[in-house]
């Protein structure tokens, strides 16, 4: 069973965080420059929120395209759903769909390990399916055969 820890190992542990007092303008710049869709909001070493492009777009729409002097605190999701390294990929999929969350912080107790995105999940599932397909093809290719005594040719064993 595919777990969050394996997805993070492939993805890497690069983290982009901000504080609730970070100006929205600065968060927007970081997300655009780093080509990321979310920032984890930390305060005093604890996860206190999440900001994604969704919150920023809503803010821009409500403020005629301007970030203004607002801070992340005014737009962040202050109750993000998080997962642990041992959470299964199936559970992450279910949570993402149920909560309409494209990004999930990965927490090991109070420690932030990374963020799993909807894209990361799709990539991991495709990779797992490709691996499974390759294993099945290798198994079929190496299928044991028995010698057919009558015409001296090989045939699959009887089951």
N, C-alpha and C. Protein backbone atom coordinates (compact mmCIF):
# COMPACT_ATOMS: atom_id res chain seq x y z
N UNK A 1 0.85 -1.19 0.00
CA UNK A 1 0.00 0.00 0.00
C UNK A 1 0.89 1.25 0.00
N UNK A 2 0.61 2.15 -0.91
CA UNK A 2 1.37 3.39 -1.05
C UNK A 2 1.07 4.34 0.11
N UNK A 3 2.12 4.86 0.74
CA UNK A 3 1.96 5.76 1.89
C UNK A 3 2.51 7.15 1.57
N UNK A 4 2.08 8.13 2.35
CA UNK A 4 2.50 9.52 2.19
C UNK A 4 4.03 9.64 2.27
N UNK A 5 4.66 8.87 3.17
CA UNK A 5 6.12 8.95 3.33
C UNK A 5 6.84 8.63 2.02
N UNK A 6 6.31 7.66 1.24
CA UNK A 6 6.93 7.30 -0.04
C UNK A 6 6.75 8.41 -1.07
N UNK A 7 5.59 9.04 -1.07
CA UNK A 7 5.32 10.13 -2.01
C UNK A 7 6.26 11.31 -1.70
N UNK A 8 6.43 11.62 -0.41
CA UNK A 8 7.33 12.71 -0.01
C UNK A 8 8.78 12.39 -0.37
N UNK A 9 9.16 11.12 -0.24
CA UNK A 9 10.55 10.74 -0.54
C UNK A 9 10.86 11.02 -2.01
N UNK A 10 9.90 10.73 -2.90
CA UNK A 10 10.08 10.97 -4.33
C UNK A 10 10.03 12.47 -4.63
N UNK A 11 9.07 13.15 -4.00
CA UNK A 11 8.86 14.57 -4.26
C UNK A 11 9.98 15.44 -3.69
N UNK A 12 10.48 15.05 -2.53
CA UNK A 12 11.45 15.88 -1.82
C UNK A 12 10.76 16.65 -0.71
N UNK A 13 11.54 17.21 0.16
CA UNK A 13 10.99 17.85 1.36
C UNK A 13 11.12 19.37 1.33
N UNK A 14 11.20 19.96 0.13
CA UNK A 14 11.31 21.41 0.05
C UNK A 14 10.04 22.04 0.60
N UNK A 15 10.21 22.98 1.52
CA UNK A 15 9.07 23.59 2.20
C UNK A 15 9.02 25.09 1.94
N UNK A 16 7.84 25.58 1.67
CA UNK A 16 7.64 27.02 1.55
C UNK A 16 6.61 27.40 2.59
N UNK A 17 7.05 28.23 3.52
CA UNK A 17 6.16 28.63 4.61
C UNK A 17 6.10 30.15 4.70
N UNK A 18 5.13 30.61 5.45
CA UNK A 18 4.99 32.04 5.75
C UNK A 18 4.38 32.12 7.14
N UNK A 19 4.28 33.33 7.67
CA UNK A 19 3.61 33.53 8.96
C UNK A 19 2.29 34.24 8.69
N UNK A 20 1.40 34.25 9.67
CA UNK A 20 0.13 34.96 9.48
C UNK A 20 0.32 36.45 9.19
N UNK A 21 1.45 37.01 9.63
CA UNK A 21 1.69 38.44 9.44
C UNK A 21 2.33 38.76 8.09
N UNK A 22 2.66 37.75 7.30
CA UNK A 22 3.23 37.97 5.97
C UNK A 22 2.20 38.70 5.10
N UNK A 23 2.61 39.78 4.43
CA UNK A 23 1.68 40.47 3.53
C UNK A 23 1.24 39.54 2.39
N UNK A 24 -0.02 39.63 2.00
CA UNK A 24 -0.53 38.82 0.89
C UNK A 24 0.31 39.05 -0.37
N UNK A 25 0.72 40.29 -0.60
CA UNK A 25 1.55 40.62 -1.77
C UNK A 25 2.82 39.78 -1.79
N UNK A 26 3.47 39.63 -0.63
CA UNK A 26 4.71 38.85 -0.54
C UNK A 26 4.42 37.35 -0.77
N UNK A 27 3.32 36.85 -0.24
CA UNK A 27 2.93 35.45 -0.44
C UNK A 27 2.71 35.18 -1.92
N UNK A 28 2.02 36.10 -2.58
CA UNK A 28 1.73 36.00 -4.01
C UNK A 28 3.03 35.95 -4.81
N UNK A 29 3.99 36.82 -4.45
CA UNK A 29 5.28 36.85 -5.14
C UNK A 29 6.03 35.53 -4.95
N UNK A 30 6.06 35.01 -3.73
CA UNK A 30 6.75 33.75 -3.45
C UNK A 30 6.13 32.61 -4.25
N UNK A 31 4.80 32.53 -4.25
CA UNK A 31 4.12 31.45 -4.96
C UNK A 31 4.37 31.54 -6.47
N UNK A 32 4.36 32.75 -7.01
CA UNK A 32 4.60 32.93 -8.45
C UNK A 32 6.05 32.59 -8.81
N UNK A 33 7.00 33.10 -8.02
CA UNK A 33 8.43 32.89 -8.31
C UNK A 33 8.83 31.43 -8.16
N UNK A 34 8.28 30.74 -7.16
CA UNK A 34 8.64 29.35 -6.90
C UNK A 34 7.75 28.35 -7.66
N UNK A 35 6.74 28.88 -8.36
CA UNK A 35 5.79 28.05 -9.11
C UNK A 35 5.14 27.00 -8.20
N UNK A 36 4.59 27.50 -7.08
CA UNK A 36 3.92 26.63 -6.12
C UNK A 36 2.50 27.12 -5.90
N UNK A 37 1.63 26.22 -5.50
CA UNK A 37 0.23 26.56 -5.34
C UNK A 37 -0.22 26.77 -3.91
N UNK A 38 0.73 26.61 -2.96
CA UNK A 38 0.33 26.76 -1.57
C UNK A 38 1.50 27.20 -0.70
N UNK A 39 1.15 27.79 0.42
CA UNK A 39 2.12 28.11 1.48
C UNK A 39 1.55 27.58 2.78
N UNK A 40 2.42 26.94 3.56
CA UNK A 40 2.02 26.50 4.89
C UNK A 40 2.28 27.66 5.84
N UNK A 41 1.29 27.97 6.67
CA UNK A 41 1.42 29.11 7.57
C UNK A 41 1.79 28.61 8.97
N UNK A 42 2.97 29.06 9.43
CA UNK A 42 3.52 28.62 10.71
C UNK A 42 3.64 29.82 11.65
N UNK A 43 3.37 29.54 12.93
CA UNK A 43 3.53 30.57 13.95
C UNK A 43 4.02 29.90 15.22
N UNK A 44 5.14 30.40 15.77
CA UNK A 44 5.75 29.82 16.97
C UNK A 44 6.01 28.32 16.78
N UNK A 45 6.45 27.94 15.58
CA UNK A 45 6.79 26.55 15.31
C UNK A 45 5.60 25.62 15.13
N UNK A 46 4.41 26.17 15.05
CA UNK A 46 3.21 25.33 14.89
C UNK A 46 2.48 25.67 13.60
N UNK A 47 1.85 24.65 13.02
CA UNK A 47 1.01 24.83 11.84
C UNK A 47 -0.26 25.58 12.28
N UNK A 48 -0.50 26.74 11.69
CA UNK A 48 -1.71 27.50 12.05
C UNK A 48 -2.62 27.76 10.86
N UNK A 49 -2.15 27.41 9.66
CA UNK A 49 -3.01 27.66 8.50
C UNK A 49 -2.36 27.26 7.20
N UNK A 50 -3.12 27.50 6.15
CA UNK A 50 -2.69 27.16 4.80
C UNK A 50 -3.25 28.23 3.86
N UNK A 51 -2.45 28.65 2.90
CA UNK A 51 -2.92 29.57 1.87
C UNK A 51 -2.63 28.92 0.53
N UNK A 52 -3.66 28.89 -0.32
CA UNK A 52 -3.49 28.37 -1.67
C UNK A 52 -3.88 29.46 -2.66
N UNK A 53 -3.67 29.17 -3.94
CA UNK A 53 -4.05 30.16 -4.96
C UNK A 53 -5.54 30.48 -4.87
N UNK A 54 -6.34 29.55 -4.37
CA UNK A 54 -7.79 29.77 -4.24
C UNK A 54 -8.08 30.97 -3.32
N UNK A 55 -7.45 31.00 -2.15
CA UNK A 55 -7.68 32.12 -1.22
C UNK A 55 -7.17 33.44 -1.79
N UNK A 56 -6.04 33.38 -2.48
CA UNK A 56 -5.48 34.62 -3.06
C UNK A 56 -6.37 35.13 -4.18
N UNK A 57 -6.87 34.23 -5.03
CA UNK A 57 -7.76 34.66 -6.12
C UNK A 57 -9.04 35.27 -5.55
N UNK A 58 -9.61 34.64 -4.52
CA UNK A 58 -10.82 35.19 -3.88
C UNK A 58 -10.56 36.59 -3.33
N UNK A 59 -9.39 36.76 -2.68
CA UNK A 59 -9.04 38.06 -2.12
C UNK A 59 -8.90 39.11 -3.23
N UNK A 60 -8.18 38.75 -4.30
CA UNK A 60 -7.99 39.69 -5.41
C UNK A 60 -9.33 40.06 -6.05
N UNK A 61 -10.19 39.07 -6.20
CA UNK A 61 -11.52 39.32 -6.78
C UNK A 61 -12.31 40.29 -5.90
N UNK A 62 -12.25 40.10 -4.60
CA UNK A 62 -13.01 40.96 -3.68
C UNK A 62 -12.40 42.34 -3.49
N UNK A 63 -11.15 42.52 -3.95
CA UNK A 63 -10.46 43.80 -3.78
C UNK A 63 -10.05 44.41 -5.11
N UNK A 64 -10.84 44.14 -6.14
CA UNK A 64 -10.63 44.73 -7.47
C UNK A 64 -9.21 44.51 -7.99
N UNK A 65 -8.66 43.31 -7.72
CA UNK A 65 -7.35 42.96 -8.25
C UNK A 65 -6.17 43.43 -7.43
N UNK A 66 -6.43 44.07 -6.29
CA UNK A 66 -5.33 44.60 -5.46
C UNK A 66 -5.14 43.74 -4.22
N UNK A 67 -3.86 43.57 -3.83
CA UNK A 67 -3.61 42.82 -2.59
C UNK A 67 -3.83 43.72 -1.38
N UNK A 68 -3.61 45.04 -1.58
CA UNK A 68 -3.76 45.98 -0.47
C UNK A 68 -2.71 45.72 0.59
N UNK A 69 -2.98 46.18 1.81
CA UNK A 69 -2.03 45.99 2.91
C UNK A 69 -2.44 44.83 3.80
N UNK A 70 -3.22 43.91 3.25
CA UNK A 70 -3.72 42.78 4.04
C UNK A 70 -2.61 41.75 4.28
N UNK A 71 -2.76 41.05 5.41
CA UNK A 71 -1.83 39.97 5.71
C UNK A 71 -2.51 38.62 5.45
N UNK A 72 -1.71 37.59 5.44
CA UNK A 72 -2.21 36.23 5.21
C UNK A 72 -3.28 35.85 6.24
N UNK A 73 -3.14 36.36 7.46
CA UNK A 73 -4.10 36.01 8.51
C UNK A 73 -5.55 36.26 8.06
N UNK A 74 -5.75 37.28 7.24
CA UNK A 74 -7.11 37.64 6.83
C UNK A 74 -7.70 36.69 5.79
N UNK A 75 -6.85 35.88 5.15
CA UNK A 75 -7.38 35.00 4.09
C UNK A 75 -7.10 33.52 4.31
N UNK A 76 -6.19 33.18 5.24
CA UNK A 76 -5.74 31.78 5.35
C UNK A 76 -6.85 30.86 5.86
N UNK A 77 -6.73 29.60 5.46
CA UNK A 77 -7.57 28.55 6.01
C UNK A 77 -6.93 28.20 7.35
N UNK A 78 -7.61 28.52 8.44
CA UNK A 78 -6.98 28.33 9.76
C UNK A 78 -7.29 26.95 10.36
N UNK A 79 -7.88 26.06 9.58
CA UNK A 79 -8.12 24.69 10.06
C UNK A 79 -7.84 23.69 8.94
N UNK A 80 -6.60 23.71 8.42
CA UNK A 80 -6.31 22.80 7.31
C UNK A 80 -6.27 21.34 7.78
N UNK A 81 -6.72 20.46 6.92
CA UNK A 81 -6.64 19.02 7.22
C UNK A 81 -5.22 18.59 6.91
N UNK A 82 -4.60 17.90 7.86
CA UNK A 82 -3.24 17.41 7.61
C UNK A 82 -3.23 15.89 7.65
N UNK A 83 -2.15 15.32 7.12
CA UNK A 83 -1.97 13.87 7.11
C UNK A 83 -0.62 13.56 7.75
N UNK A 84 -0.38 12.28 8.03
CA UNK A 84 0.89 11.85 8.61
C UNK A 84 1.67 11.06 7.57
N UNK A 85 2.95 10.78 7.85
CA UNK A 85 3.72 9.97 6.89
C UNK A 85 3.12 8.59 6.67
N UNK A 86 2.38 8.08 7.64
CA UNK A 86 1.80 6.73 7.53
C UNK A 86 0.43 6.70 6.88
N UNK A 87 -0.13 7.86 6.56
CA UNK A 87 -1.44 7.89 5.90
C UNK A 87 -1.32 7.24 4.53
N UNK A 88 -2.31 6.42 4.18
CA UNK A 88 -2.28 5.76 2.87
C UNK A 88 -2.67 6.73 1.77
N UNK A 89 -2.21 6.43 0.56
CA UNK A 89 -2.55 7.26 -0.60
C UNK A 89 -4.06 7.28 -0.81
N UNK A 90 -4.72 6.14 -0.57
CA UNK A 90 -6.18 6.07 -0.73
C UNK A 90 -6.88 7.04 0.22
N UNK A 91 -6.40 7.11 1.46
CA UNK A 91 -7.00 8.02 2.45
C UNK A 91 -6.76 9.48 2.05
N UNK A 92 -5.57 9.79 1.53
CA UNK A 92 -5.28 11.16 1.08
C UNK A 92 -6.24 11.54 -0.06
N UNK A 93 -6.43 10.62 -1.01
CA UNK A 93 -7.36 10.88 -2.11
C UNK A 93 -8.76 11.19 -1.57
N UNK A 94 -9.22 10.34 -0.64
CA UNK A 94 -10.55 10.52 -0.06
C UNK A 94 -10.68 11.87 0.63
N UNK A 95 -9.67 12.22 1.43
CA UNK A 95 -9.69 13.50 2.15
C UNK A 95 -9.68 14.67 1.18
N UNK A 96 -8.84 14.59 0.16
CA UNK A 96 -8.75 15.69 -0.82
C UNK A 96 -10.10 15.90 -1.51
N UNK A 97 -10.74 14.82 -1.87
CA UNK A 97 -12.04 14.93 -2.54
C UNK A 97 -13.12 15.42 -1.57
N UNK A 98 -13.16 14.84 -0.37
CA UNK A 98 -14.17 15.23 0.63
C UNK A 98 -14.05 16.69 1.04
N UNK A 99 -12.81 17.14 1.23
CA UNK A 99 -12.56 18.49 1.76
C UNK A 99 -12.29 19.52 0.67
N UNK A 100 -12.32 19.11 -0.59
CA UNK A 100 -11.98 20.00 -1.72
C UNK A 100 -10.62 20.63 -1.50
N UNK A 101 -9.67 19.83 -1.00
CA UNK A 101 -8.33 20.33 -0.70
C UNK A 101 -7.35 19.85 -1.75
N UNK A 102 -6.65 20.78 -2.37
CA UNK A 102 -5.66 20.40 -3.38
C UNK A 102 -4.28 20.22 -2.76
N UNK A 103 -4.12 20.68 -1.53
CA UNK A 103 -2.83 20.62 -0.84
C UNK A 103 -3.06 20.18 0.60
N UNK A 104 -2.21 19.26 1.08
CA UNK A 104 -2.32 18.79 2.46
C UNK A 104 -0.95 18.79 3.13
N UNK A 105 -0.85 19.50 4.26
CA UNK A 105 0.40 19.45 5.01
C UNK A 105 0.62 18.04 5.58
N UNK A 106 1.87 17.62 5.62
CA UNK A 106 2.22 16.33 6.20
C UNK A 106 2.91 16.62 7.54
N UNK A 107 2.29 16.15 8.61
CA UNK A 107 2.79 16.42 9.96
C UNK A 107 3.23 15.13 10.63
N UNK A 108 4.38 15.18 11.29
CA UNK A 108 4.82 14.09 12.14
C UNK A 108 4.76 14.64 13.55
N UNK A 109 3.62 14.46 14.21
CA UNK A 109 3.39 15.14 15.48
C UNK A 109 3.32 16.63 15.19
N UNK A 110 4.12 17.43 15.90
CA UNK A 110 4.09 18.88 15.65
C UNK A 110 5.02 19.33 14.51
N UNK A 111 5.78 18.39 13.93
CA UNK A 111 6.79 18.74 12.93
C UNK A 111 6.22 18.66 11.52
N UNK A 112 6.37 19.76 10.78
CA UNK A 112 5.94 19.82 9.38
C UNK A 112 7.00 19.15 8.51
N UNK A 113 6.60 18.11 7.76
CA UNK A 113 7.53 17.38 6.90
C UNK A 113 7.45 17.81 5.44
N UNK A 114 6.29 18.31 5.04
CA UNK A 114 6.12 18.68 3.64
C UNK A 114 4.66 18.91 3.32
N UNK A 115 4.38 19.04 2.03
CA UNK A 115 3.02 19.23 1.55
C UNK A 115 2.80 18.27 0.40
N UNK A 116 1.67 17.59 0.41
CA UNK A 116 1.29 16.70 -0.68
C UNK A 116 0.20 17.41 -1.49
N UNK A 117 0.43 17.52 -2.80
CA UNK A 117 -0.55 18.18 -3.65
C UNK A 117 -1.36 17.14 -4.43
N UNK A 118 -2.45 17.59 -4.99
CA UNK A 118 -3.29 16.74 -5.84
C UNK A 118 -2.43 16.20 -6.99
N UNK A 119 -1.57 17.06 -7.53
CA UNK A 119 -0.66 16.67 -8.62
C UNK A 119 0.30 15.58 -8.15
N UNK A 120 0.86 15.73 -6.93
CA UNK A 120 1.77 14.71 -6.39
C UNK A 120 1.05 13.37 -6.30
N UNK A 121 -0.21 13.41 -5.86
CA UNK A 121 -1.00 12.18 -5.73
C UNK A 121 -1.19 11.52 -7.09
N UNK A 122 -1.57 12.31 -8.08
CA UNK A 122 -1.79 11.77 -9.42
C UNK A 122 -0.51 11.15 -9.97
N UNK A 123 0.61 11.86 -9.77
CA UNK A 123 1.91 11.37 -10.24
C UNK A 123 2.28 10.05 -9.56
N UNK A 124 2.05 9.96 -8.25
CA UNK A 124 2.39 8.76 -7.48
C UNK A 124 1.53 7.58 -7.92
N UNK A 125 0.27 7.82 -8.15
CA UNK A 125 -0.65 6.75 -8.56
C UNK A 125 -0.27 6.22 -9.94
N UNK A 126 0.04 7.13 -10.85
CA UNK A 126 0.47 6.71 -12.20
C UNK A 126 1.77 5.90 -12.12
N UNK A 127 2.71 6.35 -11.29
CA UNK A 127 3.98 5.64 -11.13
C UNK A 127 3.75 4.25 -10.53
N UNK A 128 2.87 4.16 -9.54
CA UNK A 128 2.56 2.87 -8.91
C UNK A 128 1.91 1.93 -9.92
N UNK A 129 1.01 2.44 -10.72
CA UNK A 129 0.34 1.61 -11.74
C UNK A 129 1.35 1.15 -12.79
N UNK A 130 2.26 2.03 -13.17
CA UNK A 130 3.28 1.67 -14.17
C UNK A 130 4.17 0.55 -13.62
N UNK A 131 4.54 0.69 -12.33
CA UNK A 131 5.37 -0.33 -11.69
C UNK A 131 4.63 -1.67 -11.65
N UNK A 132 3.36 -1.63 -11.26
CA UNK A 132 2.55 -2.85 -11.19
C UNK A 132 2.43 -3.49 -12.58
N UNK A 133 2.18 -2.68 -13.60
CA UNK A 133 2.09 -3.19 -14.97
C UNK A 133 3.39 -3.86 -15.40
N UNK A 134 4.52 -3.23 -15.07
CA UNK A 134 5.83 -3.79 -15.44
C UNK A 134 6.07 -5.12 -14.72
N UNK A 135 5.66 -5.18 -13.45
CA UNK A 135 5.82 -6.42 -12.68
C UNK A 135 4.97 -7.53 -13.30
N UNK A 136 3.74 -7.21 -13.66
CA UNK A 136 2.86 -8.21 -14.28
C UNK A 136 3.41 -8.68 -15.62
N UNK A 137 3.92 -7.73 -16.42
CA UNK A 137 4.48 -8.11 -17.72
C UNK A 137 5.71 -9.00 -17.54
N UNK A 138 6.55 -8.69 -16.55
CA UNK A 138 7.74 -9.51 -16.28
C UNK A 138 7.32 -10.90 -15.84
N UNK A 139 6.28 -10.96 -15.01
CA UNK A 139 5.77 -12.25 -14.53
C UNK A 139 5.26 -13.09 -15.69
N UNK A 140 4.50 -12.45 -16.57
CA UNK A 140 3.94 -13.17 -17.72
C UNK A 140 5.06 -13.62 -18.66
N UNK A 141 6.05 -12.77 -18.87
CA UNK A 141 7.17 -13.09 -19.76
C UNK A 141 7.96 -14.28 -19.21
N UNK A 142 8.09 -14.37 -17.90
CA UNK A 142 8.86 -15.44 -17.26
C UNK A 142 7.98 -16.61 -16.83
N UNK A 143 6.78 -16.69 -17.39
CA UNK A 143 5.83 -17.76 -17.03
C UNK A 143 6.50 -19.12 -17.23
N UNK A 144 6.45 -20.00 -16.23
CA UNK A 144 7.09 -21.32 -16.39
C UNK A 144 6.36 -22.15 -17.45
N UNK A 145 7.12 -22.90 -18.22
CA UNK A 145 6.51 -23.75 -19.26
C UNK A 145 6.89 -25.20 -19.01
N UNK A 146 6.08 -26.10 -19.54
CA UNK A 146 6.38 -27.53 -19.47
C UNK A 146 6.62 -28.03 -20.89
N UNK A 147 7.47 -28.98 -21.02
CA UNK A 147 7.75 -29.56 -22.34
C UNK A 147 6.59 -30.48 -22.73
N UNK A 148 6.03 -30.26 -23.91
CA UNK A 148 4.95 -31.11 -24.42
C UNK A 148 5.62 -32.31 -25.10
N UNK A 149 5.46 -33.48 -24.49
CA UNK A 149 6.13 -34.69 -24.95
C UNK A 149 5.77 -35.06 -26.39
N UNK A 150 4.50 -34.84 -26.77
CA UNK A 150 4.04 -35.32 -28.08
C UNK A 150 4.73 -34.62 -29.24
N UNK A 151 4.82 -33.29 -29.21
CA UNK A 151 5.41 -32.62 -30.37
C UNK A 151 6.67 -31.83 -30.01
N UNK A 152 7.23 -32.14 -28.86
CA UNK A 152 8.50 -31.55 -28.44
C UNK A 152 8.48 -30.02 -28.41
N UNK A 153 7.32 -29.43 -28.08
CA UNK A 153 7.24 -27.96 -27.97
C UNK A 153 6.84 -27.60 -26.54
N UNK A 154 6.93 -26.34 -26.24
CA UNK A 154 6.55 -25.91 -24.88
C UNK A 154 5.13 -25.43 -24.85
N UNK A 155 4.51 -25.60 -23.69
CA UNK A 155 3.15 -25.10 -23.49
C UNK A 155 3.02 -24.67 -22.02
N UNK A 156 2.06 -23.80 -21.75
CA UNK A 156 1.87 -23.39 -20.35
C UNK A 156 1.47 -24.58 -19.50
N UNK A 157 1.82 -24.60 -18.22
CA UNK A 157 1.44 -25.71 -17.35
C UNK A 157 -0.06 -25.74 -17.12
N UNK A 158 -0.58 -26.94 -16.86
CA UNK A 158 -2.00 -27.08 -16.53
C UNK A 158 -2.22 -26.66 -15.09
N UNK A 159 -3.32 -25.96 -14.82
CA UNK A 159 -3.63 -25.53 -13.45
C UNK A 159 -4.83 -26.23 -12.92
